[in-house]
PDB file of N, CA and C in Angstrom:
ATOM      1  N   MET A   1       0.336  -1.283   0.056  1.00  0.00           N
ATOM      2  CA  MET A   1      -0.254   0.081   0.201  1.00  0.00           C
ATOM      3  C   MET A   1       1.338   0.837   0.139  1.00  0.00           C
ATOM      4  N   SER A   2       0.616   2.529  -0.678  1.00  0.00           N
ATOM      5  CA  SER A   2       1.628   3.159  -0.542  1.00  0.00           C
ATOM      6  C   SER A   2       1.017   4.260   0.217  1.00  0.00           C
ATOM      7  N   CYS A   3       1.673   5.017   0.515  1.00  0.00           N
ATOM      8  CA  CYS A   3       1.409   6.310   1.458  1.00  0.00           C
ATOM      9  C   CYS A   3       0.563   7.574   0.557  1.00  0.00           C
ATOM     10  N   GLU A   4       1.174   7.521  -0.364  1.00  0.00           N
ATOM     11  CA  GLU A   4       0.593   8.603  -0.950  1.00  0.00           C
ATOM     12  C   GLU A   4      -0.927   9.121  -0.154  1.00  0.00           C
ATOM     13  N   ARG A   5      -1.120  10.783  -1.166  1.00  0.00           N
ATOM     14  CA  ARG A   5      -2.247  11.120  -0.251  1.00  0.00           C
ATOM     15  C   ARG A   5      -3.678  10.171  -1.012  1.00  0.00           C
ATOM     16  N   LYS A   6      -4.825  10.049  -0.696  1.00  0.00           N
ATOM     17  CA  LYS A   6      -5.740   9.207  -0.754  1.00  0.00           C
ATOM     18  C   LYS A   6      -6.948   9.536  -1.395  1.00  0.00           C
ATOM     19  N   SER A   7      -7.500   9.245  -2.250  1.00  0.00           N
ATOM     20  CA  SER A   7      -9.116  10.109  -3.252  1.00  0.00           C
ATOM     21  C   SER A   7     -10.124  10.611  -1.878  1.00  0.00           C
ATOM     22  N   HIS A   8     -10.520  11.407  -2.602  1.00  0.00           N
ATOM     23  CA  HIS A   8     -12.193  11.574  -1.153  1.00  0.00           C
ATOM     24  C   HIS A   8     -12.605  10.202  -0.461  1.00  0.00           C
ATOM     25  N   GLU A   9     -12.749   9.434  -2.338  1.00  0.00           N
ATOM     26  CA  GLU A   9     -13.622   8.125  -1.643  1.00  0.00           C
ATOM     27  C   GLU A   9     -12.830   6.562  -0.693  1.00  0.00           C
ATOM     28  N   GLU A  10     -11.175   7.023  -1.220  1.00  0.00           N
ATOM     29  CA  GLU A  10     -10.699   6.255  -0.374  1.00  0.00           C
ATOM     30  C   GLU A  10     -11.120   6.533   1.060  1.00  0.00           C
ATOM     31  N   VAL A  11     -10.275   7.655   1.048  1.00  0.00           N
ATOM     32  CA  VAL A  11     -10.890   8.293   2.850  1.00  0.00           C
ATOM     33  C   VAL A  11     -12.101   8.213   3.541  1.00  0.00           C
ATOM     34  N   LYS A  12     -13.244   7.839   2.978  1.00  0.00           N
ATOM     35  CA  LYS A  12     -14.329   7.842   3.239  1.00  0.00           C
ATOM     36  C   LYS A  12     -14.804   6.270   3.076  1.00  0.00           C
ATOM     37  N   LYS A  13     -14.199   5.629   2.313  1.00  0.00           N
ATOM     38  CA  LYS A  13     -14.429   4.668   2.300  1.00  0.00           C
ATOM     39  C   LYS A  13     -13.833   3.442   3.383  1.00  0.00           C
ATOM     40  N   HIS A  14     -12.226   4.263   4.156  1.00  0.00           N
ATOM     41  CA  HIS A  14     -11.059   3.399   5.316  1.00  0.00           C
ATOM     42  C   HIS A  14     -11.987   4.621   6.521  1.00  0.00           C
ATOM     43  N   LEU A  15     -13.012   5.417   6.663  1.00  0.00           N
ATOM     44  CA  LEU A  15     -13.338   6.177   8.016  1.00  0.00           C
ATOM     45  C   LEU A  15     -14.926   5.078   7.648  1.00  0.00           C
ATOM     46  N   GLY A  16     -15.588   5.117   6.792  1.00  0.00           N
ATOM     47  CA  GLY A  16     -16.548   3.411   7.760  1.00  0.00           C
ATOM     48  C   GLY A  16     -15.900   2.009   7.833  1.00  0.00           C
ATOM     49  N   LEU A  17     -14.904   1.906   7.705  1.00  0.00           N
ATOM     50  CA  LEU A  17     -14.563   0.949   8.285  1.00  0.00           C
ATOM     51  C   LEU A  17     -14.504   0.332   9.855  1.00  0.00           C
ATOM     52  N   ALA A  18     -14.800  -0.429  10.681  1.00  0.00           N
ATOM     53  CA  ALA A  18     -15.301  -0.695  11.755  1.00  0.00           C
ATOM     54  C   ALA A  18     -13.781  -0.466  12.455  1.00  0.00           C
ATOM     55  N   GLY A  19     -13.965   0.428  14.155  1.00  0.00           N
ATOM     56  CA  GLY A  19     -12.548   0.608  14.439  1.00  0.00           C
ATOM     57  C   GLY A  19     -11.522   1.269  13.960  1.00  0.00           C
ATOM     58  N   ALA A  20     -11.983   2.127  13.022  1.00  0.00           N
ATOM     59  CA  ALA A  20     -11.130   2.820  12.063  1.00  0.00           C
ATOM     60  C   ALA A  20     -10.818   4.332  13.506  1.00  0.00           C
ATOM     61  N   VAL A  21      -9.408   4.577  13.107  1.00  0.00           N
ATOM     62  CA  VAL A  21      -8.877   5.590  13.997  1.00  0.00           C
ATOM     63  C   VAL A  21      -8.353   7.131  13.280  1.00  0.00           C
ATOM     64  N   VAL A  22      -8.950   7.970  13.321  1.00  0.00           N
ATOM     65  CA  VAL A  22      -8.459   9.100  13.074  1.00  0.00           C
ATOM     66  C   VAL A  22      -7.047   9.613  13.852  1.00  0.00           C
ATOM     67  N   VAL A  23      -5.762   9.716  12.985  1.00  0.00           N
ATOM     68  CA  VAL A  23      -4.731  10.594  13.364  1.00  0.00           C
ATOM     69  C   VAL A  23      -4.252  11.790  13.243  1.00  0.00           C
ATOM     70  N   ASP A  24      -3.962  13.175  13.755  1.00  0.00           N
ATOM     71  CA  ASP A  24      -3.750  14.469  13.497  1.00  0.00           C
ATOM     72  C   ASP A  24      -2.588  14.893  13.838  1.00  0.00           C
ATOM     73  N   LEU A  25      -1.474  14.789  12.599  1.00  0.00           N
ATOM     74  CA  LEU A  25       0.061  15.461  13.008  1.00  0.00           C
ATOM     75  C   LEU A  25       0.150  16.649  13.265  1.00  0.00           C
ATOM     76  N   ARG A  26      -0.472  17.508  13.326  1.00  0.00           N
ATOM     77  CA  ARG A  26      -0.981  18.851  12.604  1.00  0.00           C
ATOM     78  C   ARG A  26       0.204  19.164  14.498  1.00  0.00           C
ATOM     79  N   GLY A  27       0.561  20.438  14.149  1.00  0.00           N
ATOM     80  CA  GLY A  27       1.309  21.152  15.483  1.00  0.00           C
ATOM     81  C   GLY A  27      -0.089  21.376  16.027  1.00  0.00           C
ATOM     82  N   ASN A  28       0.492  21.585  17.735  1.00  0.00           N
ATOM     83  CA  ASN A  28      -0.314  22.213  18.672  1.00  0.00           C
ATOM     84  C   ASN A  28      -0.725  23.544  18.356  1.00  0.00           C
ATOM     85  N   ALA A  29      -0.125  24.247  17.957  1.00  0.00           N
ATOM     86  CA  ALA A  29      -0.487  25.855  17.346  1.00  0.00           C
ATOM     87  C   ALA A  29      -1.678  25.976  16.392  1.00  0.00           C
ATOM     88  N   GLU A  30      -1.349  25.038  15.482  1.00  0.00           N
ATOM     89  CA  GLU A  30      -1.782  24.444  14.100  1.00  0.00           C
ATOM     90  C   GLU A  30      -3.857  23.817  14.416  1.00  0.00           C
ATOM     91  N   VAL A  31      -3.917  22.757  15.621  1.00  0.00           N
ATOM     92  CA  VAL A  31      -4.564  22.006  16.448  1.00  0.00           C
ATOM     93  C   VAL A  31      -5.351  23.555  17.242  1.00  0.00           C
ATOM     94  N   ALA A  32      -4.937  24.498  17.577  1.00  0.00           N
ATOM     95  CA  ALA A  32      -5.205  25.758  18.846  1.00  0.00           C
ATOM     96  C   ALA A  32      -6.550  26.535  17.564  1.00  0.00           C
ATOM     97  N   SER A  33      -5.752  26.692  16.638  1.00  0.00           N
ATOM     98  CA  SER A  33      -6.911  27.778  15.900  1.00  0.00           C
ATOM     99  C   SER A  33      -7.524  26.713  14.777  1.00  0.00           C
ATOM    100  N   ASP A  34      -7.517  25.874  15.149  1.00  0.00           N
ATOM    101  CA  ASP A  34      -8.433  24.818  13.637  1.00  0.00           C
ATOM    102  C   ASP A  34      -8.413  23.194  14.477  1.00  0.00           C
ATOM    103  N   PRO A  35      -9.442  22.956  15.345  1.00  0.00           N
ATOM    104  CA  PRO A  35      -9.738  22.090  16.163  1.00  0.00           C
ATOM    105  C   PRO A  35      -9.800  20.409  15.465  1.00  0.00           C
ATOM    106  N   LEU A  36      -9.398  19.572  16.089  1.00  0.00           N
ATOM    107  CA  LEU A  36      -9.677  18.029  16.147  1.00  0.00           C
ATOM    108  C   LEU A  36     -10.825  17.497  15.760  1.00  0.00           C
ATOM    109  N   VAL A  37     -11.450  16.486  15.237  1.00  0.00           N
ATOM    110  CA  VAL A  37     -12.021  16.358  14.550  1.00  0.00           C
ATOM    111  C   VAL A  37     -12.237  15.143  15.214  1.00  0.00           C
ATOM    112  N   ALA A  38     -13.648  15.097  15.621  1.00  0.00           N
ATOM    113  CA  ALA A  38     -14.555  14.440  17.520  1.00  0.00           C
ATOM    114  C   ALA A  38     -14.036  13.193  17.171  1.00  0.00           C
ATOM    115  N   GLY A  39     -12.915  12.711  18.433  1.00  0.00           N
ATOM    116  CA  GLY A  39     -12.497  11.242  18.508  1.00  0.00           C
ATOM    117  C   GLY A  39     -10.815  11.427  17.981  1.00  0.00           C
ATOM    118  N   ALA A  40     -10.209  12.144  17.063  1.00  0.00           N
ATOM    119  CA  ALA A  40      -9.148  11.915  17.008  1.00  0.00           C
ATOM    120  C   ALA A  40      -8.021  11.858  17.898  1.00  0.00           C
ATOM    121  N   ILE A  41      -6.925  11.552  17.842  1.00  0.00           N
ATOM    122  CA  ILE A  41      -6.138  11.066  18.181  1.00  0.00           C
ATOM    123  C   ILE A  41      -4.858  12.436  17.804  1.00  0.00           C
ATOM    124  N   HIS A  42      -4.463  12.884  18.700  1.00  0.00           N
ATOM    125  CA  HIS A  42      -2.955  14.285  18.115  1.00  0.00           C
ATOM    126  C   HIS A  42      -2.618  13.525  18.819  1.00  0.00           C
ATOM    127  N   VAL A  43      -0.707  13.712  17.357  1.00  0.00           N
ATOM    128  CA  VAL A  43      -0.121  13.275  17.749  1.00  0.00           C
ATOM    129  C   VAL A  43       1.234  14.547  16.945  1.00  0.00           C
ATOM    130  N   PRO A  44       0.989  15.295  18.101  1.00  0.00           N
ATOM    131  CA  PRO A  44       2.271  16.587  17.641  1.00  0.00           C
ATOM    132  C   PRO A  44       3.448  16.509  16.914  1.00  0.00           C
ATOM    133  N   ALA A  45       3.228  16.671  15.683  1.00  0.00           N
ATOM    134  CA  ALA A  45       4.678  16.667  14.919  1.00  0.00           C
ATOM    135  C   ALA A  45       5.175  17.364  13.904  1.00  0.00           C
ATOM    136  N   THR A  46       6.112  17.603  12.743  1.00  0.00           N
ATOM    137  CA  THR A  46       6.613  18.245  12.202  1.00  0.00           C
ATOM    138  C   THR A  46       6.949  17.537  10.850  1.00  0.00           C
ATOM    139  N   PRO A  47       7.712  17.474  10.167  1.00  0.00           N
ATOM    140  CA  PRO A  47       8.066  16.839   9.242  1.00  0.00           C
ATOM    141  C   PRO A  47       9.258  15.974   8.816  1.00  0.00           C
ATOM    142  N   ASP A  48      10.151  16.946   9.828  1.00  0.00           N
ATOM    143  CA  ASP A  48      11.636  16.406  10.806  1.00  0.00           C
ATOM    144  C   ASP A  48      11.468  15.219  11.849  1.00  0.00           C
ATOM    145  N   ASN A  49      10.322  15.001  12.056  1.00  0.00           N
ATOM    146  CA  ASN A  49       9.565  13.676  13.360  1.00  0.00           C
ATOM    147  C   ASN A  49       8.411  13.250  13.483  1.00  0.00           C
ATOM    148  N   ALA A  50       8.149  13.203  12.568  1.00  0.00           N
ATOM    149  CA  ALA A  50       6.534  12.583  11.984  1.00  0.00           C
ATOM    150  C   ALA A  50       6.833  11.185  12.027  1.00  0.00           C
ATOM    151  N   ALA A  51       8.126  10.529  11.694  1.00  0.00           N
ATOM    152  CA  ALA A  51       8.329   8.909  11.730  1.00  0.00           C
ATOM    153  C   ALA A  51       8.294   8.929  13.895  1.00  0.00           C
ATOM    154  N   ALA A  52       9.478   9.756  13.791  1.00  0.00           N
ATOM    155  CA  ALA A  52       9.812   9.495  15.177  1.00  0.00           C
ATOM    156  C   ALA A  52       8.358   9.482  16.145  1.00  0.00           C
ATOM    157  N   MET A  53       7.478  10.337  16.525  1.00  0.00           N
ATOM    158  CA  MET A  53       6.766  10.859  16.895  1.00  0.00           C
ATOM    159  C   MET A  53       5.615   9.783  17.038  1.00  0.00           C
ATOM    160  N   ILE A  54       5.053   9.372  15.125  1.00  0.00           N
ATOM    161  CA  ILE A  54       3.955   8.185  15.215  1.00  0.00           C
ATOM    162  C   ILE A  54       4.540   6.923  15.920  1.00  0.00           C
ATOM    163  N   GLU A  55       6.324   6.720  15.702  1.00  0.00           N
ATOM    164  CA  GLU A  55       6.458   5.408  16.111  1.00  0.00           C
ATOM    165  C   GLU A  55       6.388   5.674  18.199  1.00  0.00           C
ATOM    166  N   SER A  56       6.884   6.713  18.296  1.00  0.00           N
ATOM    167  CA  SER A  56       6.357   6.991  19.724  1.00  0.00           C
ATOM    168  C   SER A  56       4.587   6.773  20.364  1.00  0.00           C
ATOM    169  N   ALA A  57       4.430   7.010  19.571  1.00  0.00           N
ATOM    170  CA  ALA A  57       2.561   6.885  19.867  1.00  0.00           C
ATOM    171  C   ALA A  57       2.332   5.698  19.926  1.00  0.00           C
ATOM    172  N   VAL A  58       2.562   4.786  18.673  1.00  0.00           N
ATOM    173  CA  VAL A  58       2.376   3.529  19.038  1.00  0.00           C
ATOM    174  C   VAL A  58       3.519   2.491  20.481  1.00  0.00           C
ATOM    175  N   LYS A  59       4.164   3.059  20.640  1.00  0.00           N
ATOM    176  CA  LYS A  59       5.049   2.660  21.615  1.00  0.00           C
ATOM    177  C   LYS A  59       4.181   2.957  23.086  1.00  0.00           C
ATOM    178  N   GLY A  60       3.644   3.813  22.526  1.00  0.00           N
ATOM    179  CA  GLY A  60       3.459   4.652  24.258  1.00  0.00           C
ATOM    180  C   GLY A  60       1.893   4.092  24.554  1.00  0.00           C
ATOM    181  N   GLY A  61       1.312   3.486  23.466  1.00  0.00           N
ATOM    182  CA  GLY A  61      -0.350   3.016  23.653  1.00  0.00           C
ATOM    183  C   GLY A  61      -1.123   4.699  23.301  1.00  0.00           C
ATOM    184  N   SER A  62      -0.903   5.489  22.409  1.00  0.00           N
ATOM    185  CA  SER A  62      -1.897   5.532  22.210  1.00  0.00           C
ATOM    186  C   SER A  62      -2.114   5.321  20.435  1.00  0.00           C
ATOM    187  N   ILE A  63      -1.887   5.404  19.869  1.00  0.00           N
ATOM    188  CA  ILE A  63      -2.056   4.187  18.677  1.00  0.00           C
ATOM    189  C   ILE A  63      -2.268   2.717  18.536  1.00  0.00           C
ATOM    190  N   PRO A  64      -3.553   2.022  18.567  1.00  0.00           N
ATOM    191  CA  PRO A  64      -3.799   0.590  18.637  1.00  0.00           C
ATOM    192  C   PRO A  64      -2.393   0.014  18.205  1.00  0.00           C
ATOM    193  N   SER A  65      -2.419  -1.159  18.870  1.00  0.00           N
ATOM    194  CA  SER A  65      -1.226  -1.834  18.909  1.00  0.00           C
ATOM    195  C   SER A  65      -1.712  -2.752  17.477  1.00  0.00           C
ATOM    196  N   ASP A  66      -2.635  -3.475  17.327  1.00  0.00           N
ATOM    197  CA  ASP A  66      -2.805  -4.453  16.372  1.00  0.00           C
ATOM    198  C   ASP A  66      -2.663  -3.356  15.052  1.00  0.00           C
ATOM    199  N   PRO A  67      -1.814  -4.093  14.489  1.00  0.00           N
ATOM    200  CA  PRO A  67      -1.172  -3.276  13.404  1.00  0.00           C
ATOM    201  C   PRO A  67      -2.279  -3.849  11.959  1.00  0.00           C
ATOM    202  N   ASN A  68      -3.589  -4.620  12.242  1.00  0.00           N
ATOM    203  CA  ASN A  68      -4.440  -4.188  10.953  1.00  0.00           C
ATOM    204  C   ASN A  68      -5.721  -3.052  11.239  1.00  0.00           C
ATOM    205  N   THR A  69      -5.006  -2.426  12.224  1.00  0.00           N
ATOM    206  CA  THR A  69      -6.120  -1.616  12.434  1.00  0.00           C
ATOM    207  C   THR A  69      -6.562  -0.271  11.647  1.00  0.00           C
ATOM    208  N   PRO A  70      -8.026  -0.085  10.776  1.00  0.00           N
ATOM    209  CA  PRO A  70      -7.062   0.923   9.850  1.00  0.00           C
ATOM    210  C   PRO A  70      -7.261   2.776  10.861  1.00  0.00           C
ATOM    211  N   ILE A  71      -6.149   3.243  10.094  1.00  0.00           N
ATOM    212  CA  ILE A  71      -6.064   4.280  10.489  1.00  0.00           C
ATOM    213  C   ILE A  71      -5.974   5.312   9.486  1.00  0.00           C
ATOM    214  N   VAL A  72      -6.422   6.414   9.893  1.00  0.00           N
ATOM    215  CA  VAL A  72      -6.735   7.848   9.032  1.00  0.00           C
ATOM    216  C   VAL A  72      -5.511   8.678   9.075  1.00  0.00           C
ATOM    217  N   LEU A  73      -4.778   9.039   8.582  1.00  0.00           N
ATOM    218  CA  LEU A  73      -3.526  10.125   8.897  1.00  0.00           C
ATOM    219  C   LEU A  73      -4.305  11.670   8.318  1.00  0.00           C
ATOM    220  N   ASN A  74      -3.861  12.637   8.589  1.00  0.00           N
ATOM    221  CA  ASN A  74      -3.838  14.098   8.676  1.00  0.00           C
ATOM    222  C   ASN A  74      -3.344  14.563   9.555  1.00  0.00           C
ATOM    223  N   CYS A  75      -2.911  15.936   8.383  1.00  0.00           N
ATOM    224  CA  CYS A  75      -2.478  16.948   9.553  1.00  0.00           C
ATOM    225  C   CYS A  75      -2.707  17.985   8.390  1.00  0.00           C
ATOM    226  N   ARG A  76      -1.788  19.517   7.998  1.00  0.00           N
ATOM    227  CA  ARG A  76      -2.143  20.857   7.157  1.00  0.00           C
ATOM    228  C   ARG A  76      -1.918  20.666   5.667  1.00  0.00           C
ATOM    229  N   SER A  77      -1.559  19.354   5.253  1.00  0.00           N
ATOM    230  CA  SER A  77      -1.055  19.725   3.794  1.00  0.00           C
ATOM    231  C   SER A  77      -1.096  17.797   3.515  1.00  0.00           C
ATOM    232  N   GLY A  78      -1.142  17.588   4.416  1.00  0.00           N
ATOM    233  CA  GLY A  78      -0.502  15.739   4.097  1.00  0.00           C
ATOM    234  C   GLY A  78       0.655  15.586   3.681  1.00  0.00           C
ATOM    235  N   ARG A  79       2.022  16.142   4.620  1.00  0.00           N
ATOM    236  CA  ARG A  79       3.519  15.134   4.032  1.00  0.00           C
ATOM    237  C   ARG A  79       3.875  15.190   4.689  1.00  0.00           C
ATOM    238  N   ARG A  80       3.092  15.515   6.865  1.00  0.00           N
ATOM    239  CA  ARG A  80       3.926  14.944   7.881  1.00  0.00           C
ATOM    240  C   ARG A  80       2.300  13.304   8.400  1.00  0.00           C
ATOM    241  N   ALA A  81       1.087  13.352   7.510  1.00  0.00           N
ATOM    242  CA  ALA A  81       0.737  12.161   7.429  1.00  0.00           C
ATOM    243  C   ALA A  81       1.345  11.051   6.678  1.00  0.00           C
ATOM    244  N   GLY A  82       1.943  11.774   5.119  1.00  0.00           N
ATOM    245  CA  GLY A  82       3.083  10.741   4.354  1.00  0.00           C
ATOM    246  C   GLY A  82       3.890   9.936   5.382  1.00  0.00           C
ATOM    247  N   ILE A  83       4.831  10.916   5.771  1.00  0.00           N
ATOM    248  CA  ILE A  83       5.990  10.551   6.290  1.00  0.00           C
ATOM    249  C   ILE A  83       4.928   9.462   7.886  1.00  0.00           C
ATOM    250  N   ALA A  84       4.509   9.876   8.300  1.00  0.00           N
ATOM    251  CA  ALA A  84       3.820   9.137   9.332  1.00  0.00           C
ATOM    252  C   ALA A  84       3.370   7.254   8.751  1.00  0.00           C
ATOM    253  N   CYS A  85       2.793   7.520   7.913  1.00  0.00           N
ATOM    254  CA  CYS A  85       1.882   6.985   6.865  1.00  0.00           C
ATOM    255  C   CYS A  85       3.030   5.296   6.703  1.00  0.00           C
ATOM    256  N   GLN A  86       4.137   5.888   6.763  1.00  0.00           N
ATOM    257  CA  GLN A  86       5.561   5.197   6.067  1.00  0.00           C
ATOM    258  C   GLN A  86       5.743   4.542   7.024  1.00  0.00           C
ATOM    259  N   LYS A  87       5.748   4.990   8.062  1.00  0.00           N
ATOM    260  CA  LYS A  87       6.711   4.629   9.406  1.00  0.00           C
ATOM    261  C   LYS A  87       4.731   4.099  10.026  1.00  0.00           C
ATOM    262  N   LEU A  88       4.307   4.458   9.836  1.00  0.00           N
ATOM    263  CA  LEU A  88       3.685   2.837  10.022  1.00  0.00           C
ATOM    264  C   LEU A  88       3.553   1.727   9.112  1.00  0.00           C
ATOM    265  N   MET A  89       3.440   1.466   8.205  1.00  0.00           N
ATOM    266  CA  MET A  89       3.580   0.777   7.378  1.00  0.00           C
ATOM    267  C   MET A  89       5.183  -0.521   7.534  1.00  0.00           C
ATOM    268  N   GLU A  90       6.184   0.258   7.634  1.00  0.00           N
ATOM    269  CA  GLU A  90       7.581  -0.074   8.210  1.00  0.00           C
ATOM    270  C   GLU A  90       7.502  -0.966   9.438  1.00  0.00           C
ATOM    271  N   LEU A  91       6.673  -0.115  10.863  1.00  0.00           N
ATOM    272  CA  LEU A  91       5.793  -0.667  11.444  1.00  0.00           C
ATOM    273  C   LEU A  91       5.420  -2.353  12.104  1.00  0.00           C
ATOM    274  N   GLY A  92       4.827  -2.599  10.502  1.00  0.00           N
ATOM    275  CA  GLY A  92       3.699  -3.990  10.508  1.00  0.00           C
ATOM    276  C   GLY A  92       2.468  -3.456  10.075  1.00  0.00           C
ATOM    277  N   TYR A  93       2.265  -2.108  10.149  1.00  0.00           N
ATOM    278  CA  TYR A  93       0.937  -2.215  10.057  1.00  0.00           C
ATOM    279  C   TYR A  93       0.490  -2.295   8.350  1.00  0.00           C
ATOM    280  N   VAL A  94      -1.193  -2.691   8.199  1.00  0.00           N
ATOM    281  CA  VAL A  94      -1.067  -2.969   7.007  1.00  0.00           C
ATOM    282  C   VAL A  94      -2.793  -1.831   6.120  1.00  0.00           C
ATOM    283  N   ASN A  95      -2.853  -1.337   7.527  1.00  0.00           N
ATOM    284  CA  ASN A  95      -4.300  -0.964   7.026  1.00  0.00           C
ATOM    285  C   ASN A  95      -4.213   1.060   7.399  1.00  0.00           C
ATOM    286  N   ALA A  96      -3.087   1.228   7.004  1.00  0.00           N
ATOM    287  CA  ALA A  96      -3.270   2.890   7.431  1.00  0.00           C
ATOM    288  C   ALA A  96      -3.093   3.792   5.996  1.00  0.00           C
ATOM    289  N   ILE A  97      -3.629   5.213   5.752  1.00  0.00           N
ATOM    290  CA  ILE A  97      -3.948   5.791   4.639  1.00  0.00           C
ATOM    291  C   ILE A  97      -3.325   7.698   5.325  1.00  0.00           C
ATOM    292  N   ASN A  98      -2.844   7.940   3.669  1.00  0.00           N
ATOM    293  CA  ASN A  98      -2.820   9.174   4.060  1.00  0.00           C
ATOM    294  C   ASN A  98      -3.312   9.974   3.771  1.00  0.00           C
ATOM    295  N   ALA A  99      -4.446  10.714   4.837  1.00  0.00           N
ATOM    296  CA  ALA A  99      -6.031  11.206   3.888  1.00  0.00           C
ATOM    297  C   ALA A  99      -5.799  13.195   3.911  1.00  0.00           C
ATOM    298  N   GLY A 100      -4.383  13.127   4.032  1.00  0.00           N
ATOM    299  CA  GLY A 100      -4.106  14.584   3.464  1.00  0.00           C
ATOM    300  C   GLY A 100      -4.551  15.313   4.221  1.00  0.00           C
ATOM    301  N   THR A 101      -5.728  16.128   4.336  1.00  0.00           N
ATOM    302  CA  THR A 101      -5.762  17.866   5.746  1.00  0.00           C
ATOM    303  C   THR A 101      -7.040  17.809   6.036  1.00  0.00           C
ATOM    304  N   ILE A 102      -6.922  17.989   7.746  1.00  0.00           N
ATOM    305  CA  ILE A 102      -8.026  18.218   8.085  1.00  0.00           C
ATOM    306  C   ILE A 102      -8.856  18.890   7.188  1.00  0.00           C
ATOM    307  N   ASP A 103      -8.907  19.495   6.311  1.00  0.00           N
ATOM    308  CA  ASP A 103     -10.331  20.081   5.588  1.00  0.00           C
ATOM    309  C   ASP A 103     -10.578  18.228   4.629  1.00  0.00           C
ATOM    310  N   ASP A 104     -10.326  17.573   4.694  1.00  0.00           N
ATOM    311  CA  ASP A 104      -9.861  16.659   3.622  1.00  0.00           C
ATOM    312  C   ASP A 104     -11.349  15.138   4.488  1.00  0.00           C
ATOM    313  N   ILE A 105     -10.434  15.784   5.936  1.00  0.00           N
ATOM    314  CA  ILE A 105     -11.238  14.347   6.778  1.00  0.00           C
ATOM    315  C   ILE A 105     -12.239  14.674   6.895  1.00  0.00           C
ATOM    316  N   ARG A 106     -12.758  16.108   7.271  1.00  0.00           N
ATOM    317  CA  ARG A 106     -13.744  16.425   7.470  1.00  0.00           C
ATOM    318  C   ARG A 106     -14.953  16.501   6.712  1.00  0.00           C
ATOM    319  N   GLN A 107     -14.606  16.764   5.552  1.00  0.00           N
ATOM    320  CA  GLN A 107     -14.910  16.587   4.089  1.00  0.00           C
ATOM    321  C   GLN A 107     -15.881  15.513   3.861  1.00  0.00           C
ATOM    322  N   ALA A 108     -15.019  14.004   4.323  1.00  0.00           N
ATOM    323  CA  ALA A 108     -15.262  13.176   3.931  1.00  0.00           C
ATOM    324  C   ALA A 108     -15.945  12.537   5.161  1.00  0.00           C
ATOM    325  N   PHE A 109     -15.840  13.560   6.259  1.00  0.00           N
ATOM    326  CA  PHE A 109     -17.198  12.288   7.293  1.00  0.00           C
ATOM    327  C   PHE A 109     -18.307  13.653   6.792  1.00  0.00           C
ATOM    328  N   ALA A 110     -18.468  14.392   6.508  1.00  0.00           N
ATOM    329  CA  ALA A 110     -19.734  15.709   6.075  1.00  0.00           C
ATOM    330  C   ALA A 110     -20.422  14.453   4.724  1.00  0.00           C
ATOM    331  N   SER A 111     -19.264  14.075   3.929  1.00  0.00           N
ATOM    332  CA  SER A 111     -20.556  13.243   3.068  1.00  0.00           C
ATOM    333  C   SER A 111     -20.884  11.705   3.643  1.00  0.00           C
ATOM    334  N   MET A 112     -20.024  11.647   4.103  1.00  0.00           N
ATOM    335  CA  MET A 112     -20.805  10.253   4.736  1.00  0.00           C
ATOM    336  C   MET A 112     -21.761  10.316   5.814  1.00  0.00           C
ATOM    337  N   ALA A 113     -22.247  11.430   6.169  1.00  0.00           N
ATOM    338  CA  ALA A 113     -23.793  11.861   6.924  1.00  0.00           C
ATOM    339  C   ALA A 113     -24.569  12.662   6.350  1.00  0.00           C
ATOM    340  N   GLN A 114     -24.065  12.391   5.087  1.00  0.00           N
ATOM    341  CA  GLN A 114     -25.765  12.536   3.809  1.00  0.00           C
ATOM    342  C   GLN A 114     -26.685  11.351   3.610  1.00  0.00           C
TER     343      GLN A 114
END
């Protein structure tokens, strides 16, 4: 599976999977000005430390340990989400995707509710 940014339809499909988890990699200041979606796990990261931060979140138990868990990653532009997605794949996760931005996640949730 590639960690390139996924299409709107792919994001919706992944969010609809049982047990799907949203992980937001935006920094604290970004989240303060534009809050997380309900239920999202916040792993504040920069492009330089996104891989280390997601690995730390896995080791710390913030990210489910089951490598089959559907994980939907987002950030401001999709870059950090892509880096974190790649790291999760290296750690054995098989169902992680780069959803792109927080707005992409919100749009997917909104279209699922219609």
